[in-house]
Amino acid sequence: MSEPQAQLLDFPRTFPIKAIGKAEADFRELVMEIVRRHAPELSINQVSVRESSGGKWLSVTLVILAKNQMQLDAIYRDLSSHDRVAWTL
């Protein structure tokens, strides 16, 4: 029988999530919609947006109160699998 894996983070905790995609008008809303599936309490005050110097990319950073590792894994899985999200950090 294998030992349970040690938890690397303590929960609940504030946790920043970053998604990067093409600089399109609705990219922030798309990212927020995906994250709200798992963190419905997310408000616009917890979201910041930054455009790349060349204007091609948009970085959306959301700071959530993460409840557990499963929630974070689900958020990253959904963001990473969307065709408009190029990178997640």
PDB file of N, CA and C in Angstrom:
ATOM      1  N   MET A   1       0.845  -1.173   0.000  1.00  0.00           N
ATOM      2  CA  MET A   1       0.000   0.000   0.000  1.00  0.00           C
ATOM      3  C   MET A   1       0.892   1.237   0.000  1.00  0.00           C
ATOM      4  N   SER A   2       0.573   2.211  -0.859  1.00  0.00           N
ATOM      5  CA  SER A   2       1.399   3.413  -0.938  1.00  0.00           C
ATOM      6  C   SER A   2       0.973   4.442   0.102  1.00  0.00           C
ATOM      7  N   GLU A   3       1.939   5.237   0.489  1.00  0.00           N
ATOM      8  CA  GLU A   3       1.693   6.292   1.474  1.00  0.00           C
ATOM      9  C   GLU A   3       0.965   7.453   0.810  1.00  0.00           C
ATOM     10  N   PRO A   4       0.073   8.156   1.535  1.00  0.00           N
ATOM     11  CA  PRO A   4      -0.560   9.335   0.947  1.00  0.00           C
ATOM     12  C   PRO A   4       0.494  10.404   0.660  1.00  0.00           C
ATOM     13  N   GLN A   5       0.294  11.118  -0.444  1.00  0.00           N
ATOM     14  CA  GLN A   5       1.234  12.157  -0.839  1.00  0.00           C
ATOM     15  C   GLN A   5       1.118  13.350   0.104  1.00  0.00           C
ATOM     16  N   ALA A   6       2.241  13.875   0.529  1.00  0.00           N
ATOM     17  CA  ALA A   6       2.254  15.029   1.430  1.00  0.00           C
ATOM     18  C   ALA A   6       1.716  16.249   0.701  1.00  0.00           C
ATOM     19  N   GLN A   7       0.917  17.033   1.393  1.00  0.00           N
ATOM     20  CA  GLN A   7       0.363  18.248   0.817  1.00  0.00           C
ATOM     21  C   GLN A   7       1.433  19.331   0.853  1.00  0.00           C
ATOM     22  N   LEU A   8       1.704  19.956  -0.295  1.00  0.00           N
ATOM     23  CA  LEU A   8       2.764  20.949  -0.391  1.00  0.00           C
ATOM     24  C   LEU A   8       2.318  22.334   0.061  1.00  0.00           C
ATOM     25  N   LEU A   9       1.036  22.632  -0.058  1.00  0.00           N
ATOM     26  CA  LEU A   9       0.499  23.934   0.312  1.00  0.00           C
ATOM     27  C   LEU A   9      -0.520  23.779   1.427  1.00  0.00           C
ATOM     28  N   ASP A  10      -0.634  24.809   2.240  1.00  0.00           N
ATOM     29  CA  ASP A  10      -1.678  24.828   3.265  1.00  0.00           C
ATOM     30  C   ASP A  10      -2.902  25.540   2.701  1.00  0.00           C
ATOM     31  N   PHE A  11      -4.063  25.010   2.970  1.00  0.00           N
ATOM     32  CA  PHE A  11      -5.318  25.584   2.482  1.00  0.00           C
ATOM     33  C   PHE A  11      -6.228  25.856   3.662  1.00  0.00           C
ATOM     34  N   PRO A  12      -7.128  26.828   3.511  1.00  0.00           N
ATOM     35  CA  PRO A  12      -7.291  27.746   2.374  1.00  0.00           C
ATOM     36  C   PRO A  12      -6.161  28.762   2.339  1.00  0.00           C
ATOM     37  N   ARG A  13      -5.900  29.288   1.140  1.00  0.00           N
ATOM     38  CA  ARG A  13      -4.841  30.271   0.947  1.00  0.00           C
ATOM     39  C   ARG A  13      -5.159  31.109  -0.282  1.00  0.00           C
ATOM     40  N   THR A  14      -4.691  32.358  -0.281  1.00  0.00           N
ATOM     41  CA  THR A  14      -4.819  33.156  -1.495  1.00  0.00           C
ATOM     42  C   THR A  14      -3.798  32.634  -2.498  1.00  0.00           C
ATOM     43  N   PHE A  15      -4.217  32.587  -3.758  1.00  0.00           N
ATOM     44  CA  PHE A  15      -3.376  31.975  -4.777  1.00  0.00           C
ATOM     45  C   PHE A  15      -3.562  32.711  -6.102  1.00  0.00           C
ATOM     46  N   PRO A  16      -2.472  33.201  -6.701  1.00  0.00           N
ATOM     47  CA  PRO A  16      -2.590  33.875  -8.000  1.00  0.00           C
ATOM     48  C   PRO A  16      -2.563  32.865  -9.144  1.00  0.00           C
ATOM     49  N   ILE A  17      -3.433  33.088 -10.099  1.00  0.00           N
ATOM     50  CA  ILE A  17      -3.504  32.255 -11.298  1.00  0.00           C
ATOM     51  C   ILE A  17      -3.351  33.190 -12.486  1.00  0.00           C
ATOM     52  N   LYS A  18      -2.500  32.831 -13.428  1.00  0.00           N
ATOM     53  CA  LYS A  18      -2.280  33.681 -14.595  1.00  0.00           C
ATOM     54  C   LYS A  18      -2.575  32.890 -15.860  1.00  0.00           C
ATOM     55  N   ALA A  19      -3.341  33.513 -16.751  1.00  0.00           N
ATOM     56  CA  ALA A  19      -3.628  32.933 -18.063  1.00  0.00           C
ATOM     57  C   ALA A  19      -3.223  33.941 -19.123  1.00  0.00           C
ATOM     58  N   ILE A  20      -2.568  33.451 -20.162  1.00  0.00           N
ATOM     59  CA  ILE A  20      -2.082  34.322 -21.228  1.00  0.00           C
ATOM     60  C   ILE A  20      -2.654  33.839 -22.550  1.00  0.00           C
ATOM     61  N   GLY A  21      -3.147  34.802 -23.320  1.00  0.00           N
ATOM     62  CA  GLY A  21      -3.713  34.484 -24.625  1.00  0.00           C
ATOM     63  C   GLY A  21      -3.610  35.684 -25.544  1.00  0.00           C
ATOM     64  N   LYS A  22      -4.087  35.529 -26.771  1.00  0.00           N
ATOM     65  CA  LYS A  22      -4.078  36.626 -27.735  1.00  0.00           C
ATOM     66  C   LYS A  22      -4.880  37.791 -27.181  1.00  0.00           C
ATOM     67  N   ALA A  23      -4.427  39.006 -27.460  1.00  0.00           N
ATOM     68  CA  ALA A  23      -5.077  40.217 -26.962  1.00  0.00           C
ATOM     69  C   ALA A  23      -6.365  40.458 -27.746  1.00  0.00           C
ATOM     70  N   GLU A  24      -7.430  39.828 -27.283  1.00  0.00           N
ATOM     71  CA  GLU A  24      -8.754  40.002 -27.876  1.00  0.00           C
ATOM     72  C   GLU A  24      -9.661  40.603 -26.815  1.00  0.00           C
ATOM     73  N   ALA A  25     -10.657  41.344 -27.261  1.00  0.00           N
ATOM     74  CA  ALA A  25     -11.502  42.134 -26.361  1.00  0.00           C
ATOM     75  C   ALA A  25     -12.144  41.326 -25.243  1.00  0.00           C
ATOM     76  N   ASP A  26     -12.503  40.088 -25.490  1.00  0.00           N
ATOM     77  CA  ASP A  26     -13.239  39.310 -24.488  1.00  0.00           C
ATOM     78  C   ASP A  26     -12.382  38.282 -23.750  1.00  0.00           C
ATOM     79  N   PHE A  27     -11.061  38.362 -23.874  1.00  0.00           N
ATOM     80  CA  PHE A  27     -10.215  37.347 -23.253  1.00  0.00           C
ATOM     81  C   PHE A  27     -10.331  37.362 -21.729  1.00  0.00           C
ATOM     82  N   ARG A  28     -10.343  38.547 -21.118  1.00  0.00           N
ATOM     83  CA  ARG A  28     -10.488  38.630 -19.657  1.00  0.00           C
ATOM     84  C   ARG A  28     -11.777  37.958 -19.207  1.00  0.00           C
ATOM     85  N   GLU A  29     -12.880  38.239 -19.876  1.00  0.00           N
ATOM     86  CA  GLU A  29     -14.165  37.654 -19.499  1.00  0.00           C
ATOM     87  C   GLU A  29     -14.161  36.139 -19.664  1.00  0.00           C
ATOM     88  N   LEU A  30     -13.500  35.660 -20.716  1.00  0.00           N
ATOM     89  CA  LEU A  30     -13.395  34.213 -20.929  1.00  0.00           C
ATOM     90  C   LEU A  30     -12.667  33.548 -19.766  1.00  0.00           C
ATOM     91  N   VAL A  31     -11.532  34.116 -19.386  1.00  0.00           N
ATOM     92  CA  VAL A  31     -10.745  33.551 -18.286  1.00  0.00           C
ATOM     93  C   VAL A  31     -11.543  33.594 -16.987  1.00  0.00           C
ATOM     94  N   MET A  32     -12.210  34.705 -16.723  1.00  0.00           N
ATOM     95  CA  MET A  32     -13.013  34.819 -15.510  1.00  0.00           C
ATOM     96  C   MET A  32     -14.138  33.778 -15.492  1.00  0.00           C
ATOM     97  N   GLU A  33     -14.772  33.569 -16.618  1.00  0.00           N
ATOM     98  CA  GLU A  33     -15.849  32.580 -16.704  1.00  0.00           C
ATOM     99  C   GLU A  33     -15.341  31.176 -16.369  1.00  0.00           C
ATOM    100  N   ILE A  34     -14.183  30.824 -16.895  1.00  0.00           N
ATOM    101  CA  ILE A  34     -13.610  29.507 -16.626  1.00  0.00           C
ATOM    102  C   ILE A  34     -13.281  29.360 -15.139  1.00  0.00           C
ATOM    103  N   VAL A  35     -12.639  30.363 -14.562  1.00  0.00           N
ATOM    104  CA  VAL A  35     -12.248  30.286 -13.153  1.00  0.00           C
ATOM    105  C   VAL A  35     -13.468  30.286 -12.242  1.00  0.00           C
ATOM    106  N   ARG A  36     -14.500  31.045 -12.587  1.00  0.00           N
ATOM    107  CA  ARG A  36     -15.708  31.105 -11.751  1.00  0.00           C
ATOM    108  C   ARG A  36     -16.444  29.774 -11.675  1.00  0.00           C
ATOM    109  N   ARG A  37     -16.212  28.867 -12.600  1.00  0.00           N
ATOM    110  CA  ARG A  37     -16.805  27.526 -12.503  1.00  0.00           C
ATOM    111  C   ARG A  37     -16.336  26.829 -11.230  1.00  0.00           C
ATOM    112  N   HIS A  38     -15.135  27.183 -10.794  1.00  0.00           N
ATOM    113  CA  HIS A  38     -14.522  26.535  -9.641  1.00  0.00           C
ATOM    114  C   HIS A  38     -14.397  27.457  -8.430  1.00  0.00           C
ATOM    115  N   ALA A  39     -14.458  28.758  -8.676  1.00  0.00           N
ATOM    116  CA  ALA A  39     -14.355  29.758  -7.608  1.00  0.00           C
ATOM    117  C   ALA A  39     -15.420  30.831  -7.866  1.00  0.00           C
ATOM    118  N   PRO A  40     -16.682  30.503  -7.618  1.00  0.00           N
ATOM    119  CA  PRO A  40     -17.778  31.415  -7.981  1.00  0.00           C
ATOM    120  C   PRO A  40     -17.740  32.763  -7.269  1.00  0.00           C
ATOM    121  N   GLU A  41     -17.007  32.858  -6.185  1.00  0.00           N
ATOM    122  CA  GLU A  41     -16.936  34.112  -5.429  1.00  0.00           C
ATOM    123  C   GLU A  41     -15.963  35.120  -6.054  1.00  0.00           C
ATOM    124  N   LEU A  42     -15.286  34.767  -7.128  1.00  0.00           N
ATOM    125  CA  LEU A  42     -14.328  35.652  -7.789  1.00  0.00           C
ATOM    126  C   LEU A  42     -15.002  36.965  -8.181  1.00  0.00           C
ATOM    127  N   SER A  43     -14.380  38.085  -7.790  1.00  0.00           N
ATOM    128  CA  SER A  43     -14.919  39.396  -8.172  1.00  0.00           C
ATOM    129  C   SER A  43     -13.924  40.106  -9.091  1.00  0.00           C
ATOM    130  N   ILE A  44     -14.410  41.109  -9.777  1.00  0.00           N
ATOM    131  CA  ILE A  44     -13.582  41.869 -10.707  1.00  0.00           C
ATOM    132  C   ILE A  44     -12.408  42.533  -9.991  1.00  0.00           C
ATOM    133  N   ASN A  45     -12.554  42.811  -8.695  1.00  0.00           N
ATOM    134  CA  ASN A  45     -11.476  43.424  -7.915  1.00  0.00           C
ATOM    135  C   ASN A  45     -10.282  42.496  -7.731  1.00  0.00           C
ATOM    136  N   GLN A  46     -10.461  41.216  -7.986  1.00  0.00           N
ATOM    137  CA  GLN A  46      -9.401  40.230  -7.822  1.00  0.00           C
ATOM    138  C   GLN A  46      -8.708  39.915  -9.146  1.00  0.00           C
ATOM    139  N   VAL A  47      -9.000  40.718 -10.172  1.00  0.00           N
ATOM    140  CA  VAL A  47      -8.501  40.448 -11.517  1.00  0.00           C
ATOM    141  C   VAL A  47      -7.698  41.640 -12.023  1.00  0.00           C
ATOM    142  N   SER A  48      -6.520  41.363 -12.572  1.00  0.00           N
ATOM    143  CA  SER A  48      -5.743  42.409 -13.226  1.00  0.00           C
ATOM    144  C   SER A  48      -5.345  41.927 -14.620  1.00  0.00           C
ATOM    145  N   VAL A  49      -5.205  42.886 -15.519  1.00  0.00           N
ATOM    146  CA  VAL A  49      -4.903  42.579 -16.918  1.00  0.00           C
ATOM    147  C   VAL A  49      -3.703  43.399 -17.355  1.00  0.00           C
ATOM    148  N   ARG A  50      -2.835  42.757 -18.121  1.00  0.00           N
ATOM    149  CA  ARG A  50      -1.665  43.460 -18.646  1.00  0.00           C
ATOM    150  C   ARG A  50      -1.444  43.029 -20.093  1.00  0.00           C
ATOM    151  N   GLU A  51      -1.260  44.018 -20.943  1.00  0.00           N
ATOM    152  CA  GLU A  51      -1.003  43.750 -22.355  1.00  0.00           C
ATOM    153  C   GLU A  51       0.504  43.677 -22.583  1.00  0.00           C
ATOM    154  N   SER A  52       0.937  42.810 -23.487  1.00  0.00           N
ATOM    155  CA  SER A  52       2.362  42.711 -23.801  1.00  0.00           C
ATOM    156  C   SER A  52       2.835  43.993 -24.478  1.00  0.00           C
ATOM    157  N   SER A  53       4.137  44.208 -24.481  1.00  0.00           N
ATOM    158  CA  SER A  53       4.687  45.443 -25.048  1.00  0.00           C
ATOM    159  C   SER A  53       4.344  45.596 -26.526  1.00  0.00           C
ATOM    160  N   GLY A  54       4.243  44.510 -27.238  1.00  0.00           N
ATOM    161  CA  GLY A  54       3.889  44.568 -28.661  1.00  0.00           C
ATOM    162  C   GLY A  54       2.393  44.558 -28.917  1.00  0.00           C
ATOM    163  N   GLY A  55       1.606  44.364 -27.839  1.00  0.00           N
ATOM    164  CA  GLY A  55       0.151  44.378 -27.975  1.00  0.00           C
ATOM    165  C   GLY A  55      -0.466  43.098 -28.506  1.00  0.00           C
ATOM    166  N   LYS A  56       0.330  42.056 -28.678  1.00  0.00           N
ATOM    167  CA  LYS A  56      -0.188  40.803 -29.243  1.00  0.00           C
ATOM    168  C   LYS A  56      -0.819  39.904 -28.174  1.00  0.00           C
ATOM    169  N   TRP A  57      -0.316  39.961 -26.958  1.00  0.00           N
ATOM    170  CA  TRP A  57      -0.739  39.053 -25.894  1.00  0.00           C
ATOM    171  C   TRP A  57      -1.374  39.807 -24.734  1.00  0.00           C
ATOM    172  N   LEU A  58      -2.252  39.111 -24.034  1.00  0.00           N
ATOM    173  CA  LEU A  58      -2.901  39.657 -22.853  1.00  0.00           C
ATOM    174  C   LEU A  58      -2.686  38.681 -21.708  1.00  0.00           C
ATOM    175  N   SER A  59      -2.255  39.203 -20.572  1.00  0.00           N
ATOM    176  CA  SER A  59      -2.048  38.393 -19.376  1.00  0.00           C
ATOM    177  C   SER A  59      -3.140  38.753 -18.365  1.00  0.00           C
ATOM    178  N   VAL A  60      -3.881  37.762 -17.921  1.00  0.00           N
ATOM    179  CA  VAL A  60      -4.942  37.965 -16.940  1.00  0.00           C
ATOM    180  C   VAL A  60      -4.528  37.247 -15.660  1.00  0.00           C
ATOM    181  N   THR A  61      -4.391  38.006 -14.578  1.00  0.00           N
ATOM    182  CA  THR A  61      -4.033  37.436 -13.279  1.00  0.00           C
ATOM    183  C   THR A  61      -5.230  37.540 -12.357  1.00  0.00           C
ATOM    184  N   LEU A  62      -5.596  36.409 -11.758  1.00  0.00           N
ATOM    185  CA  LEU A  62      -6.727  36.339 -10.837  1.00  0.00           C
ATOM    186  C   LEU A  62      -6.210  35.831  -9.506  1.00  0.00           C
ATOM    187  N   VAL A  63      -6.570  36.480  -8.431  1.00  0.00           N
ATOM    188  CA  VAL A  63      -6.148  36.037  -7.102  1.00  0.00           C
ATOM    189  C   VAL A  63      -7.382  35.485  -6.412  1.00  0.00           C
ATOM    190  N   ILE A  64      -7.370  34.169  -6.175  1.00  0.00           N
ATOM    191  CA  ILE A  64      -8.529  33.512  -5.565  1.00  0.00           C
ATOM    192  C   ILE A  64      -8.177  33.021  -4.165  1.00  0.00           C
ATOM    193  N   LEU A  65      -9.193  32.710  -3.402  1.00  0.00           N
ATOM    194  CA  LEU A  65      -9.005  32.011  -2.142  1.00  0.00           C
ATOM    195  C   LEU A  65      -9.181  30.533  -2.452  1.00  0.00           C
ATOM    196  N   ALA A  66      -8.063  29.837  -2.596  1.00  0.00           N
ATOM    197  CA  ALA A  66      -8.098  28.421  -2.966  1.00  0.00           C
ATOM    198  C   ALA A  66      -8.460  27.577  -1.746  1.00  0.00           C
ATOM    199  N   LYS A  67      -9.410  26.676  -1.950  1.00  0.00           N
ATOM    200  CA  LYS A  67      -9.882  25.822  -0.858  1.00  0.00           C
ATOM    201  C   LYS A  67      -9.032  24.572  -0.694  1.00  0.00           C
ATOM    202  N   ASN A  68      -8.550  24.034  -1.831  1.00  0.00           N
ATOM    203  CA  ASN A  68      -7.750  22.809  -1.781  1.00  0.00           C
ATOM    204  C   ASN A  68      -7.026  22.611  -3.114  1.00  0.00           C
ATOM    205  N   GLN A  69      -6.151  21.629  -3.152  1.00  0.00           N
ATOM    206  CA  GLN A  69      -5.356  21.352  -4.346  1.00  0.00           C
ATOM    207  C   GLN A  69      -6.237  20.865  -5.492  1.00  0.00           C
ATOM    208  N   MET A  70      -7.282  20.128  -5.184  1.00  0.00           N
ATOM    209  CA  MET A  70      -8.185  19.633  -6.239  1.00  0.00           C
ATOM    210  C   MET A  70      -8.831  20.796  -6.991  1.00  0.00           C
ATOM    211  N   GLN A  71      -9.210  21.844  -6.271  1.00  0.00           N
ATOM    212  CA  GLN A  71      -9.799  23.024  -6.903  1.00  0.00           C
ATOM    213  C   GLN A  71      -8.785  23.679  -7.850  1.00  0.00           C
ATOM    214  N   LEU A  72      -7.561  23.858  -7.394  1.00  0.00           N
ATOM    215  CA  LEU A  72      -6.524  24.451  -8.241  1.00  0.00           C
ATOM    216  C   LEU A  72      -6.254  23.592  -9.473  1.00  0.00           C
ATOM    217  N   ASP A  73      -6.165  22.292  -9.288  1.00  0.00           N
ATOM    218  CA  ASP A  73      -5.923  21.390 -10.413  1.00  0.00           C
ATOM    219  C   ASP A  73      -7.030  21.504 -11.448  1.00  0.00           C
ATOM    220  N   ALA A  74      -8.283  21.591 -10.998  1.00  0.00           N
ATOM    221  CA  ALA A  74      -9.419  21.694 -11.909  1.00  0.00           C
ATOM    222  C   ALA A  74      -9.384  23.017 -12.681  1.00  0.00           C
ATOM    223  N   ILE A  75      -9.027  24.099 -12.005  1.00  0.00           N
ATOM    224  CA  ILE A  75      -8.927  25.403 -12.678  1.00  0.00           C
ATOM    225  C   ILE A  75      -7.850  25.353 -13.757  1.00  0.00           C
ATOM    226  N   TYR A  76      -6.670  24.866 -13.391  1.00  0.00           N
ATOM    227  CA  TYR A  76      -5.575  24.796 -14.367  1.00  0.00           C
ATOM    228  C   TYR A  76      -5.905  23.853 -15.521  1.00  0.00           C
ATOM    229  N   ARG A  77      -6.565  22.761 -15.239  1.00  0.00           N
ATOM    230  CA  ARG A  77      -6.956  21.816 -16.294  1.00  0.00           C
ATOM    231  C   ARG A  77      -7.904  22.484 -17.286  1.00  0.00           C
ATOM    232  N   ASP A  78      -8.918  23.199 -16.768  1.00  0.00           N
ATOM    233  CA  ASP A  78      -9.882  23.853 -17.656  1.00  0.00           C
ATOM    234  C   ASP A  78      -9.250  24.993 -18.443  1.00  0.00           C
ATOM    235  N   LEU A  79      -8.414  25.791 -17.792  1.00  0.00           N
ATOM    236  CA  LEU A  79      -7.742  26.872 -18.509  1.00  0.00           C
ATOM    237  C   LEU A  79      -6.808  26.323 -19.585  1.00  0.00           C
ATOM    238  N   SER A  80      -5.998  25.350 -19.235  1.00  0.00           N
ATOM    239  CA  SER A  80      -5.013  24.790 -20.167  1.00  0.00           C
ATOM    240  C   SER A  80      -5.653  24.101 -21.364  1.00  0.00           C
ATOM    241  N   SER A  81      -6.843  23.564 -21.172  1.00  0.00           N
ATOM    242  CA  SER A  81      -7.488  22.833 -22.264  1.00  0.00           C
ATOM    243  C   SER A  81      -8.256  23.749 -23.213  1.00  0.00           C
ATOM    244  N   HIS A  82      -8.436  25.020 -22.853  1.00  0.00           N
ATOM    245  CA  HIS A  82      -9.158  25.924 -23.737  1.00  0.00           C
ATOM    246  C   HIS A  82      -8.239  26.384 -24.875  1.00  0.00           C
ATOM    247  N   ASP A  83      -8.762  26.368 -26.086  1.00  0.00           N
ATOM    248  CA  ASP A  83      -7.912  26.677 -27.250  1.00  0.00           C
ATOM    249  C   ASP A  83      -7.463  28.129 -27.318  1.00  0.00           C
ATOM    250  N   ARG A  84      -8.093  29.040 -26.591  1.00  0.00           N
ATOM    251  CA  ARG A  84      -7.685  30.449 -26.617  1.00  0.00           C
ATOM    252  C   ARG A  84      -6.666  30.796 -25.537  1.00  0.00           C
ATOM    253  N   VAL A  85      -6.405  29.871 -24.628  1.00  0.00           N
ATOM    254  CA  VAL A  85      -5.422  30.097 -23.573  1.00  0.00           C
ATOM    255  C   VAL A  85      -4.099  29.469 -24.022  1.00  0.00           C
ATOM    256  N   ALA A  86      -3.102  30.325 -24.220  1.00  0.00           N
ATOM    257  CA  ALA A  86      -1.806  29.832 -24.712  1.00  0.00           C
ATOM    258  C   ALA A  86      -0.939  29.278 -23.573  1.00  0.00           C
ATOM    259  N   TRP A  87      -0.942  29.959 -22.416  1.00  0.00           N
ATOM    260  CA  TRP A  87      -0.130  29.548 -21.272  1.00  0.00           C
ATOM    261  C   TRP A  87      -0.893  29.793 -19.976  1.00  0.00           C
ATOM    262  N   THR A  88      -0.569  28.988 -18.979  1.00  0.00           N
ATOM    263  CA  THR A  88      -1.068  29.230 -17.630  1.00  0.00           C
ATOM    264  C   THR A  88       0.108  29.170 -16.661  1.00  0.00           C
ATOM    265  N   LEU A  89       0.072  30.015 -15.668  1.00  0.00           N
ATOM    266  CA  LEU A  89       1.120  30.040 -14.651  1.00  0.00           C
ATOM    267  C   LEU A  89       0.491  30.066 -13.291  1.00  0.00           C
TER     268      LEU A  89
END
